[in-house]
Each structure stands twice: as C-alpha cells, then as structure tokens.
C-alpha cells in the first residue's frame, strides 16, 4: 500500500515560507540595528561641525569689531539707571552679517 502524500507539499511550502520570512525579518533587524548608531554618529558629527562653525563666526566678528573700534565690545551697555540695556551679542550683529536684525533692534 502506498500512502498518499498530496497534502504534504502544501505544508512544506508553508513551512518554508514562514522560515524564510522569519530569516528575512531577522536580517532586516540586524541591518537596522547596525545603521541606527551610524546615523546617530553622523548627526552628532554634523552638529559638532555646525557648533565649531558658529564659534569661528563669533570669533571673527569679535576680531572685526576690534579692528573697527580698537577694543573688544563691552559685556553690556547700561542705560541711564545703570541697568544692562543690551550685551555684546547685539554689538557684533553687523559683523556676523545680521544687519537686518541689528537695524530692527530697539
């Protein structure tokens, strides 16, 4: 007597599809796990470079202020009562190419 094996092929195909699906998910998870730290490191490097660039611009503005006025900007400019009116950051605005903001400052 021969045993009928018609239904066995469907079961094998289903099992293979499930196994390959799980393996694909595992591989995708590993790839994502490897890429996430790399993306975070690239973002941190870009932020670090932006901060360094901002500091260079501020340093250059302070040098240009000194070349123009012969001194570095004071920490603040007091009003009539001796209270701080605005700080050195406002004074260097024209030297960081922010004339439009400096013109609006009151």
PDB file of N, CA and C in Angstrom:
ATOM      1  N   UNK A   1       0.803  -1.176   0.000  1.00  0.00           N
ATOM      2  CA  UNK A   1       0.000   0.000   0.000  1.00  0.00           C
ATOM      3  C   UNK A   1       0.850   1.244   0.000  1.00  0.00           C
ATOM      4  N   UNK A   2       0.398   2.140  -0.869  1.00  0.00           N
ATOM      5  CA  UNK A   2       1.094   3.418  -0.950  1.00  0.00           C
ATOM      6  C   UNK A   2       0.330   4.458  -0.156  1.00  0.00           C
ATOM      7  N   UNK A   3       1.086   5.226   0.580  1.00  0.00           N
ATOM      8  CA  UNK A   3       0.447   6.314   1.342  1.00  0.00           C
ATOM      9  C   UNK A   3       0.353   7.546   0.458  1.00  0.00           C
ATOM     10  N   UNK A   4      -0.754   8.235   0.553  1.00  0.00           N
ATOM     11  CA  UNK A   4      -0.961   9.448  -0.245  1.00  0.00           C
ATOM     12  C   UNK A   4      -0.218  10.607   0.414  1.00  0.00           C
ATOM     13  N   UNK A   5       0.528  11.370  -0.406  1.00  0.00           N
ATOM     14  CA  UNK A   5       1.315  12.492   0.119  1.00  0.00           C
ATOM     15  C   UNK A   5       0.924  13.792  -0.553  1.00  0.00           C
ATOM     16  N   UNK A   6      -0.269  13.955  -0.971  1.00  0.00           N
ATOM     17  CA  UNK A   6      -0.686  15.182  -1.649  1.00  0.00           C
ATOM     18  C   UNK A   6      -0.643  16.390  -0.737  1.00  0.00           C
ATOM     19  N   UNK A   7      -1.097  16.296   0.470  1.00  0.00           N
ATOM     20  CA  UNK A   7      -1.163  17.428   1.387  1.00  0.00           C
ATOM     21  C   UNK A   7       0.194  17.810   1.947  1.00  0.00           C
ATOM     22  N   UNK A   8       1.164  16.933   1.900  1.00  0.00           N
ATOM     23  CA  UNK A   8       2.475  17.208   2.463  1.00  0.00           C
ATOM     24  C   UNK A   8       3.194  18.334   1.729  1.00  0.00           C
ATOM     25  N   UNK A   9       3.042  18.470   0.454  1.00  0.00           N
ATOM     26  CA  UNK A   9       3.728  19.508  -0.324  1.00  0.00           C
ATOM     27  C   UNK A   9       3.263  20.898   0.120  1.00  0.00           C
ATOM     28  N   UNK A  10       1.991  21.062   0.385  1.00  0.00           N
ATOM     29  CA  UNK A  10       1.477  22.353   0.826  1.00  0.00           C
ATOM     30  C   UNK A  10       2.038  22.728   2.189  1.00  0.00           C
ATOM     31  N   UNK A  11       2.124  21.763   3.064  1.00  0.00           N
ATOM     32  CA  UNK A  11       2.644  22.009   4.407  1.00  0.00           C
ATOM     33  C   UNK A  11       4.119  22.406   4.332  1.00  0.00           C
ATOM     34  N   UNK A  12       4.879  21.727   3.483  1.00  0.00           N
ATOM     35  CA  UNK A  12       6.304  22.032   3.331  1.00  0.00           C
ATOM     36  C   UNK A  12       6.481  23.442   2.773  1.00  0.00           C
ATOM     37  N   UNK A  13       5.689  23.796   1.812  1.00  0.00           N
ATOM     38  CA  UNK A  13       5.787  25.144   1.221  1.00  0.00           C
ATOM     39  C   UNK A  13       5.450  26.202   2.267  1.00  0.00           C
ATOM     40  N   UNK A  14       4.428  25.983   3.044  1.00  0.00           N
ATOM     41  CA  UNK A  14       4.048  26.939   4.089  1.00  0.00           C
ATOM     42  C   UNK A  14       5.162  27.071   5.120  1.00  0.00           C
ATOM     43  N   UNK A  15       5.732  25.968   5.515  1.00  0.00           N
ATOM     44  CA  UNK A  15       6.817  25.994   6.497  1.00  0.00           C
ATOM     45  C   UNK A  15       8.026  26.737   5.938  1.00  0.00           C
ATOM     46  N   UNK A  16       8.373  26.487   4.663  1.00  0.00           N
ATOM     47  CA  UNK A  16       9.499  27.178   4.038  1.00  0.00           C
ATOM     48  C   UNK A  16       9.251  28.685   3.952  1.00  0.00           C
ATOM     49  N   UNK A  17       8.039  29.076   3.603  1.00  0.00           N
ATOM     50  CA  UNK A  17       7.713  30.499   3.509  1.00  0.00           C
ATOM     51  C   UNK A  17       7.839  31.157   4.887  1.00  0.00           C
ATOM     52  N   UNK A  18       7.341  30.483   5.915  1.00  0.00           N
ATOM     53  CA  UNK A  18       7.434  31.026   7.274  1.00  0.00           C
ATOM     54  C   UNK A  18       8.893  31.137   7.707  1.00  0.00           C
ATOM     55  N   UNK A  19       9.696  30.111   7.446  1.00  0.00           N
ATOM     56  CA  UNK A  19      11.111  30.120   7.845  1.00  0.00           C
ATOM     57  C   UNK A  19      11.855  31.240   7.120  1.00  0.00           C
ATOM     58  N   UNK A  20      11.651  31.359   5.810  1.00  0.00           N
ATOM     59  CA  UNK A  20      12.333  32.420   5.064  1.00  0.00           C
ATOM     60  C   UNK A  20      11.849  33.804   5.487  1.00  0.00           C
ATOM     61  N   UNK A  21      10.577  33.915   5.819  1.00  0.00           N
ATOM     62  CA  UNK A  21      10.047  35.195   6.303  1.00  0.00           C
ATOM     63  C   UNK A  21      10.678  35.608   7.615  1.00  0.00           C
ATOM     64  N   UNK A  22      10.804  34.668   8.535  1.00  0.00           N
ATOM     65  CA  UNK A  22      11.439  34.954   9.830  1.00  0.00           C
ATOM     66  C   UNK A  22      12.899  35.321   9.618  1.00  0.00           C
ATOM     67  N   UNK A  23      13.595  34.602   8.740  1.00  0.00           N
ATOM     68  CA  UNK A  23      15.005  34.906   8.468  1.00  0.00           C
ATOM     69  C   UNK A  23      15.147  36.297   7.854  1.00  0.00           C
ATOM     70  N   UNK A  24      14.235  36.665   6.968  1.00  0.00           N
ATOM     71  CA  UNK A  24      14.284  37.997   6.357  1.00  0.00           C
ATOM     72  C   UNK A  24      14.064  39.076   7.408  1.00  0.00           C
ATOM     73  N   UNK A  25      13.126  38.863   8.319  1.00  0.00           N
ATOM     74  CA  UNK A  25      12.895  39.830   9.391  1.00  0.00           C
ATOM     75  C   UNK A  25      14.113  39.959  10.300  1.00  0.00           C
ATOM     76  N   UNK A  26      14.748  38.843  10.602  1.00  0.00           N
ATOM     77  CA  UNK A  26      15.953  38.885  11.435  1.00  0.00           C
ATOM     78  C   UNK A  26      17.078  39.645  10.739  1.00  0.00           C
ATOM     79  N   UNK A  27      17.256  39.396   9.457  1.00  0.00           N
ATOM     80  CA  UNK A  27      18.297  40.105   8.703  1.00  0.00           C
ATOM     81  C   UNK A  27      17.992  41.594   8.635  1.00  0.00           C
ATOM     82  N   UNK A  28      16.750  41.937   8.412  1.00  0.00           N
ATOM     83  CA  UNK A  28      16.372  43.357   8.370  1.00  0.00           C
ATOM     84  C   UNK A  28      16.596  44.003   9.726  1.00  0.00           C
ATOM     85  N   UNK A  29      16.284  43.293  10.793  1.00  0.00           N
ATOM     86  CA  UNK A  29      16.512  43.822  12.139  1.00  0.00           C
ATOM     87  C   UNK A  29      17.983  44.056  12.410  1.00  0.00           C
ATOM     88  N   UNK A  30      18.817  43.138  11.959  1.00  0.00           N
ATOM     89  CA  UNK A  30      20.267  43.301  12.152  1.00  0.00           C
ATOM     90  C   UNK A  30      20.773  44.499  11.364  1.00  0.00           C
ATOM     91  N   UNK A  31      20.306  44.664  10.135  1.00  0.00           N
ATOM     92  CA  UNK A  31      20.728  45.805   9.321  1.00  0.00           C
ATOM     93  C   UNK A  31      20.302  47.121   9.978  1.00  0.00           C
ATOM     94  N   UNK A  32      19.091  47.187  10.463  1.00  0.00           N
ATOM     95  CA  UNK A  32      18.608  48.391  11.138  1.00  0.00           C
ATOM     96  C   UNK A  32      19.411  48.654  12.403  1.00  0.00           C
ATOM     97  N   UNK A  33      19.707  47.610  13.157  1.00  0.00           N
ATOM     98  CA  UNK A  33      20.483  47.759  14.390  1.00  0.00           C
ATOM     99  C   UNK A  33      21.888  48.271  14.100  1.00  0.00           C
ATOM    100  N   UNK A  34      22.432  47.931  12.954  1.00  0.00           N
ATOM    101  CA  UNK A  34      23.759  48.427  12.588  1.00  0.00           C
ATOM    102  C   UNK A  34      23.719  49.851  12.038  1.00  0.00           C
ATOM    103  N   UNK A  35      22.633  50.223  11.380  1.00  0.00           N
ATOM    104  CA  UNK A  35      22.551  51.539  10.762  1.00  0.00           C
ATOM    105  C   UNK A  35      22.164  52.639  11.745  1.00  0.00           C
ATOM    106  N   UNK A  36      21.367  52.345  12.741  1.00  0.00           N
ATOM    107  CA  UNK A  36      20.892  53.380  13.673  1.00  0.00           C
ATOM    108  C   UNK A  36      22.044  54.081  14.384  1.00  0.00           C
ATOM    109  N   UNK A  37      23.022  53.372  14.945  1.00  0.00           N
ATOM    110  CA  UNK A  37      24.139  54.081  15.578  1.00  0.00           C
ATOM    111  C   UNK A  37      24.953  54.908  14.581  1.00  0.00           C
ATOM    112  N   UNK A  38      25.100  54.407  13.371  1.00  0.00           N
ATOM    113  CA  UNK A  38      25.860  55.151  12.364  1.00  0.00           C
ATOM    114  C   UNK A  38      25.161  56.459  12.012  1.00  0.00           C
ATOM    115  N   UNK A  39      23.849  56.423  11.910  1.00  0.00           N
ATOM    116  CA  UNK A  39      23.090  57.639  11.610  1.00  0.00           C
ATOM    117  C   UNK A  39      23.204  58.618  12.769  1.00  0.00           C
ATOM    118  N   UNK A  40      23.123  58.119  14.002  1.00  0.00           N
ATOM    119  CA  UNK A  40      23.263  58.979  15.170  1.00  0.00           C
ATOM    120  C   UNK A  40      24.639  59.613  15.244  1.00  0.00           C
ATOM    121  N   UNK A  41      25.670  58.860  14.917  1.00  0.00           N
ATOM    122  CA  UNK A  41      27.029  59.406  14.922  1.00  0.00           C
ATOM    123  C   UNK A  41      27.198  60.451  13.841  1.00  0.00           C
ATOM    124  N   UNK A  42      26.618  60.239  12.687  1.00  0.00           N
ATOM    125  CA  UNK A  42      26.707  61.228  11.612  1.00  0.00           C
ATOM    126  C   UNK A  42      25.989  62.514  12.008  1.00  0.00           C
ATOM    127  N   UNK A  43      24.834  62.385  12.667  1.00  0.00           N
ATOM    128  CA  UNK A  43      24.090  63.563  13.117  1.00  0.00           C
ATOM    129  C   UNK A  43      24.892  64.339  14.158  1.00  0.00           C
ATOM    130  N   UNK A  44      25.518  63.623  15.095  1.00  0.00           N
ATOM    131  CA  UNK A  44      26.329  64.288  16.116  1.00  0.00           C
ATOM    132  C   UNK A  44      27.536  64.984  15.503  1.00  0.00           C
ATOM    133  N   UNK A  45      28.144  64.369  14.505  1.00  0.00           N
ATOM    134  CA  UNK A  45      29.287  64.986  13.831  1.00  0.00           C
ATOM    135  C   UNK A  45      28.856  66.255  13.105  1.00  0.00           C
ATOM    136  N   UNK A  46      27.693  66.226  12.479  1.00  0.00           N
ATOM    137  CA  UNK A  46      27.189  67.420  11.788  1.00  0.00           C
ATOM    138  C   UNK A  46      26.884  68.534  12.781  1.00  0.00           C
ATOM    139  N   UNK A  47      26.305  68.191  13.933  1.00  0.00           N
ATOM    140  CA  UNK A  47      26.026  69.205  14.955  1.00  0.00           C
ATOM    141  C   UNK A  47      27.326  69.792  15.506  1.00  0.00           C
ATOM    142  N   UNK A  48      28.323  68.952  15.705  1.00  0.00           N
ATOM    143  CA  UNK A  48      29.617  69.415  16.194  1.00  0.00           C
ATOM    144  C   UNK A  48      30.254  70.378  15.190  1.00  0.00           C
ATOM    145  N   UNK A  49      30.192  70.043  13.917  1.00  0.00           N
ATOM    146  CA  UNK A  49      30.757  70.922  12.890  1.00  0.00           C
ATOM    147  C   UNK A  49      30.011  72.244  12.837  1.00  0.00           C
ATOM    148  N   UNK A  50      28.691  72.221  12.993  1.00  0.00           N
ATOM    149  CA  UNK A  50      27.903  73.447  12.990  1.00  0.00           C
ATOM    150  C   UNK A  50      28.278  74.320  14.180  1.00  0.00           C
ATOM    151  N   UNK A  51      28.468  73.715  15.344  1.00  0.00           N
ATOM    152  CA  UNK A  51      28.863  74.474  16.527  1.00  0.00           C
ATOM    153  C   UNK A  51      30.243  75.091  16.342  1.00  0.00           C
ATOM    154  N   UNK A  52      31.167  74.333  15.788  1.00  0.00           N
ATOM    155  CA  UNK A  52      32.504  74.862  15.535  1.00  0.00           C
ATOM    156  C   UNK A  52      32.448  76.029  14.561  1.00  0.00           C
ATOM    157  N   UNK A  53      31.615  75.916  13.541  1.00  0.00           N
ATOM    158  CA  UNK A  53      31.472  76.995  12.570  1.00  0.00           C
ATOM    159  C   UNK A  53      30.883  78.236  13.242  1.00  0.00           C
ATOM    160  N   UNK A  54      29.892  78.062  14.100  1.00  0.00           N
ATOM    161  CA  UNK A  54      29.298  79.206  14.796  1.00  0.00           C
ATOM    162  C   UNK A  54      30.331  79.904  15.674  1.00  0.00           C
ATOM    163  N   UNK A  55      31.168  79.132  16.373  1.00  0.00           N
ATOM    164  CA  UNK A  55      32.207  79.728  17.207  1.00  0.00           C
ATOM    165  C   UNK A  55      33.236  80.489  16.365  1.00  0.00           C
ATOM    166  N   UNK A  56      33.564  79.961  15.206  1.00  0.00           N
ATOM    167  CA  UNK A  56      34.500  80.658  14.312  1.00  0.00           C
ATOM    168  C   UNK A  56      33.911  81.979  13.838  1.00  0.00           C
ATOM    169  N   UNK A  57      32.627  81.984  13.513  1.00  0.00           N
ATOM    170  CA  UNK A  57      31.967  83.210  13.062  1.00  0.00           C
ATOM    171  C   UNK A  57      31.959  84.243  14.185  1.00  0.00           C
ATOM    172  N   UNK A  58      31.676  83.818  15.408  1.00  0.00           N
ATOM    173  CA  UNK A  58      31.673  84.740  16.547  1.00  0.00           C
ATOM    174  C   UNK A  58      33.075  85.283  16.789  1.00  0.00           C
ATOM    175  N   UNK A  59      34.079  84.414  16.735  1.00  0.00           N
ATOM    176  CA  UNK A  59      35.468  84.865  16.912  1.00  0.00           C
ATOM    177  C   UNK A  59      35.881  85.863  15.851  1.00  0.00           C
ATOM    178  N   UNK A  60      35.519  85.600  14.610  1.00  0.00           N
ATOM    179  CA  UNK A  60      35.840  86.521  13.522  1.00  0.00           C
ATOM    180  C   UNK A  60      35.111  87.848  13.710  1.00  0.00           C
ATOM    181  N   UNK A  61      33.867  87.803  14.157  1.00  0.00           N
ATOM    182  CA  UNK A  61      33.107  89.031  14.400  1.00  0.00           C
ATOM    183  C   UNK A  61      33.760  89.853  15.508  1.00  0.00           C
ATOM    184  N   UNK A  62      34.227  89.182  16.564  1.00  0.00           N
ATOM    185  CA  UNK A  62      34.911  89.908  17.639  1.00  0.00           C
ATOM    186  C   UNK A  62      36.198  90.555  17.136  1.00  0.00           C
ATOM    187  N   UNK A  63      36.940  89.860  16.292  1.00  0.00           N
ATOM    188  CA  UNK A  63      38.149  90.444  15.712  1.00  0.00           C
ATOM    189  C   UNK A  63      37.812  91.645  14.824  1.00  0.00           C
ATOM    190  N   UNK A  64      36.775  91.510  14.028  1.00  0.00           N
ATOM    191  CA  UNK A  64      36.378  92.622  13.154  1.00  0.00           C
ATOM    192  C   UNK A  64      35.886  93.810  13.969  1.00  0.00           C
ATOM    193  N   UNK A  65      35.166  93.565  15.039  1.00  0.00           N
ATOM    194  CA  UNK A  65      34.727  94.647  15.937  1.00  0.00           C
ATOM    195  C   UNK A  65      35.956  95.359  16.504  1.00  0.00           C
ATOM    196  N   UNK A  66      36.938  94.586  16.930  1.00  0.00           N
ATOM    197  CA  UNK A  66      38.167  95.159  17.479  1.00  0.00           C
ATOM    198  C   UNK A  66      38.911  95.977  16.428  1.00  0.00           C
ATOM    199  N   UNK A  67      38.975  95.487  15.203  1.00  0.00           N
ATOM    200  CA  UNK A  67      39.642  96.230  14.138  1.00  0.00           C
ATOM    201  C   UNK A  67      38.925  97.546  13.850  1.00  0.00           C
ATOM    202  N   UNK A  68      37.589  97.541  13.978  1.00  0.00           N
ATOM    203  CA  UNK A  68      36.803  98.742  13.681  1.00  0.00           C
ATOM    204  C   UNK A  68      36.870  99.759  14.816  1.00  0.00           C
ATOM    205  N   UNK A  69      36.726  99.308  16.056  1.00  0.00           N
ATOM    206  CA  UNK A  69      36.596 100.222  17.192  1.00  0.00           C
ATOM    207  C   UNK A  69      37.826 100.267  18.100  1.00  0.00           C
ATOM    208  N   UNK A  70      38.828  99.438  17.859  1.00  0.00           N
ATOM    209  CA  UNK A  70      40.047  99.452  18.648  1.00  0.00           C
ATOM    210  C   UNK A  70      39.919  98.792  20.008  1.00  0.00           C
ATOM    211  N   UNK A  71      38.822  98.165  20.288  1.00  0.00           N
ATOM    212  CA  UNK A  71      38.603  97.460  21.553  1.00  0.00           C
ATOM    213  C   UNK A  71      37.555  96.380  21.336  1.00  0.00           C
ATOM    214  N   UNK A  72      37.554  95.416  22.245  1.00  0.00           N
ATOM    215  CA  UNK A  72      36.506  94.399  22.181  1.00  0.00           C
ATOM    216  C   UNK A  72      35.207  94.994  22.714  1.00  0.00           C
ATOM    217  N   UNK A  73      34.074  94.446  22.334  1.00  0.00           N
ATOM    218  CA  UNK A  73      32.810  95.000  22.821  1.00  0.00           C
ATOM    219  C   UNK A  73      32.675  94.811  24.332  1.00  0.00           C
ATOM    220  N   UNK A  74      32.051  95.769  25.015  1.00  0.00           N
ATOM    221  CA  UNK A  74      31.843  95.598  26.453  1.00  0.00           C
ATOM    222  C   UNK A  74      30.830  94.484  26.715  1.00  0.00           C
ATOM    223  N   UNK A  75      30.822  93.997  27.937  1.00  0.00           N
ATOM    224  CA  UNK A  75      29.901  92.917  28.301  1.00  0.00           C
ATOM    225  C   UNK A  75      28.458  93.353  28.111  1.00  0.00           C
ATOM    226  N   UNK A  76      28.173  94.613  28.461  1.00  0.00           N
ATOM    227  CA  UNK A  76      26.838  95.168  28.252  1.00  0.00           C
ATOM    228  C   UNK A  76      26.932  96.687  28.189  1.00  0.00           C
ATOM    229  N   UNK A  77      25.912  97.294  27.630  1.00  0.00           N
ATOM    230  CA  UNK A  77      25.786  98.743  27.582  1.00  0.00           C
ATOM    231  C   UNK A  77      24.696  99.115  28.590  1.00  0.00           C
ATOM    232  N   UNK A  78      25.012  99.940  29.596  1.00  0.00           N
ATOM    233  CA  UNK A  78      23.990 100.289  30.589  1.00  0.00           C
ATOM    234  C   UNK A  78      23.094 101.427  30.099  1.00  0.00           C
ATOM    235  N   UNK A  79      21.888 101.483  30.650  1.00  0.00           N
ATOM    236  CA  UNK A  79      21.001 102.607  30.367  1.00  0.00           C
ATOM    237  C   UNK A  79      21.291 103.721  31.371  1.00  0.00           C
ATOM    238  N   UNK A  80      20.431 104.734  31.429  1.00  0.00           N
ATOM    239  CA  UNK A  80      20.653 105.874  32.311  1.00  0.00           C
ATOM    240  C   UNK A  80      20.687 105.472  33.789  1.00  0.00           C
ATOM    241  N   UNK A  81      19.961 104.409  34.137  1.00  0.00           N
ATOM    242  CA  UNK A  81      19.901 103.954  35.525  1.00  0.00           C
ATOM    243  C   UNK A  81      21.008 102.963  35.877  1.00  0.00           C
ATOM    244  N   UNK A  82      21.864 102.655  34.937  1.00  0.00           N
ATOM    245  CA  UNK A  82      22.940 101.701  35.171  1.00  0.00           C
ATOM    246  C   UNK A  82      22.540 100.255  34.958  1.00  0.00           C
ATOM    247  N   UNK A  83      21.314 100.015  34.510  1.00  0.00           N
ATOM    248  CA  UNK A  83      20.841  98.657  34.239  1.00  0.00           C
ATOM    249  C   UNK A  83      21.303  98.219  32.845  1.00  0.00           C
ATOM    250  N   UNK A  84      21.647  96.949  32.696  1.00  0.00           N
ATOM    251  CA  UNK A  84      22.069  96.480  31.366  1.00  0.00           C
ATOM    252  C   UNK A  84      20.972  96.683  30.331  1.00  0.00           C
ATOM    253  N   UNK A  85      21.346  97.344  29.240  1.00  0.00           N
ATOM    254  CA  UNK A  85      20.387  97.606  28.177  1.00  0.00           C
ATOM    255  C   UNK A  85      20.484  96.517  27.096  1.00  0.00           C
ATOM    256  N   UNK A  86      21.697  96.247  26.647  1.00  0.00           N
ATOM    257  CA  UNK A  86      21.941  95.129  25.734  1.00  0.00           C
ATOM    258  C   UNK A  86      23.398  94.697  25.860  1.00  0.00           C
ATOM    259  N   UNK A  87      23.699  93.507  25.345  1.00  0.00           N
ATOM    260  CA  UNK A  87      25.009  92.908  25.564  1.00  0.00           C
ATOM    261  C   UNK A  87      25.873  92.975  24.312  1.00  0.00           C
ATOM    262  N   UNK A  88      27.032  92.404  24.425  1.00  0.00           N
ATOM    263  CA  UNK A  88      27.985  92.367  23.336  1.00  0.00           C
ATOM    264  C   UNK A  88      27.438  91.643  22.124  1.00  0.00           C
ATOM    265  N   UNK A  89      26.482  90.733  22.336  1.00  0.00           N
ATOM    266  CA  UNK A  89      25.928  89.974  21.212  1.00  0.00           C
ATOM    267  C   UNK A  89      25.196  90.884  20.236  1.00  0.00           C
ATOM    268  N   UNK A  90      24.569  91.919  20.775  1.00  0.00           N
ATOM    269  CA  UNK A  90      23.888  92.873  19.895  1.00  0.00           C
ATOM    270  C   UNK A  90      24.925  93.695  19.127  1.00  0.00           C
ATOM    271  N   UNK A  91      26.013  94.035  19.789  1.00  0.00           N
ATOM    272  CA  UNK A  91      27.026  94.885  19.163  1.00  0.00           C
ATOM    273  C   UNK A  91      27.763  94.197  18.019  1.00  0.00           C
ATOM    274  N   UNK A  92      27.836  92.876  18.047  1.00  0.00           N
ATOM    275  CA  UNK A  92      28.555  92.193  16.962  1.00  0.00           C
ATOM    276  C   UNK A  92      27.626  91.736  15.834  1.00  0.00           C
ATOM    277  N   UNK A  93      26.335  92.024  15.938  1.00  0.00           N
ATOM    278  CA  UNK A  93      25.406  91.598  14.874  1.00  0.00           C
ATOM    279  C   UNK A  93      25.818  92.087  13.486  1.00  0.00           C
ATOM    280  N   UNK A  94      26.247  93.360  13.327  1.00  0.00           N
ATOM    281  CA  UNK A  94      26.664  93.772  11.974  1.00  0.00           C
ATOM    282  C   UNK A  94      27.870  92.997  11.457  1.00  0.00           C
ATOM    283  N   UNK A  95      28.659  92.446  12.345  1.00  0.00           N
ATOM    284  CA  UNK A  95      29.867  91.734  11.937  1.00  0.00           C
ATOM    285  C   UNK A  95      29.623  90.251  11.675  1.00  0.00           C
ATOM    286  N   UNK A  96      28.430  89.765  11.958  1.00  0.00           N
ATOM    287  CA  UNK A  96      28.062  88.384  11.623  1.00  0.00           C
ATOM    288  C   UNK A  96      27.035  88.373  10.501  1.00  0.00           C
ATOM    289  N   UNK A  97      27.037  89.431   9.724  1.00  0.00           N
ATOM    290  CA  UNK A  97      26.147  89.582   8.574  1.00  0.00           C
ATOM    291  C   UNK A  97      24.683  89.493   8.980  1.00  0.00           C
ATOM    292  N   UNK A  98      24.350  90.144  10.099  1.00  0.00           N
ATOM    293  CA  UNK A  98      22.974  90.190  10.567  1.00  0.00           C
ATOM    294  C   UNK A  98      22.533  91.643  10.699  1.00  0.00           C
ATOM    295  N   UNK A  99      22.859  92.450   9.694  1.00  0.00           N
ATOM    296  CA  UNK A  99      22.499  93.873   9.715  1.00  0.00           C
ATOM    297  C   UNK A  99      20.997  94.071   9.815  1.00  0.00           C
ATOM    298  N   UNK A 100      20.230  93.220   9.169  1.00  0.00           N
ATOM    299  CA  UNK A 100      18.771  93.357   9.200  1.00  0.00           C
ATOM    300  C   UNK A 100      18.236  93.190  10.621  1.00  0.00           C
ATOM    301  N   UNK A 101      18.828  92.308  11.411  1.00  0.00           N
ATOM    302  CA  UNK A 101      18.397  92.140  12.808  1.00  0.00           C
ATOM    303  C   UNK A 101      18.867  93.329  13.640  1.00  0.00           C
ATOM    304  N   UNK A 102      20.088  93.787  13.396  1.00  0.00           N
ATOM    305  CA  UNK A 102      20.627  94.930  14.133  1.00  0.00           C
ATOM    306  C   UNK A 102      19.804  96.186  13.867  1.00  0.00           C
ATOM    307  N   UNK A 103      19.352  96.341  12.629  1.00  0.00           N
ATOM    308  CA  UNK A 103      18.531  97.509  12.275  1.00  0.00           C
ATOM    309  C   UNK A 103      17.171  97.463  12.966  1.00  0.00           C
ATOM    310  N   UNK A 104      16.645  96.284  13.260  1.00  0.00           N
ATOM    311  CA  UNK A 104      15.356  96.150  13.909  1.00  0.00           C
ATOM    312  C   UNK A 104      15.464  96.283  15.422  1.00  0.00           C
ATOM    313  N   UNK A 105      16.668  96.169  15.971  1.00  0.00           N
ATOM    314  CA  UNK A 105      16.844  96.206  17.419  1.00  0.00           C
ATOM    315  C   UNK A 105      16.560  97.592  17.950  1.00  0.00           C
ATOM    316  N   UNK A 106      15.793  97.673  19.030  1.00  0.00           N
ATOM    317  CA  UNK A 106      15.454  98.966  19.618  1.00  0.00           C
ATOM    318  C   UNK A 106      16.016  99.014  21.033  1.00  0.00           C
TER     319      UNK A 106
END
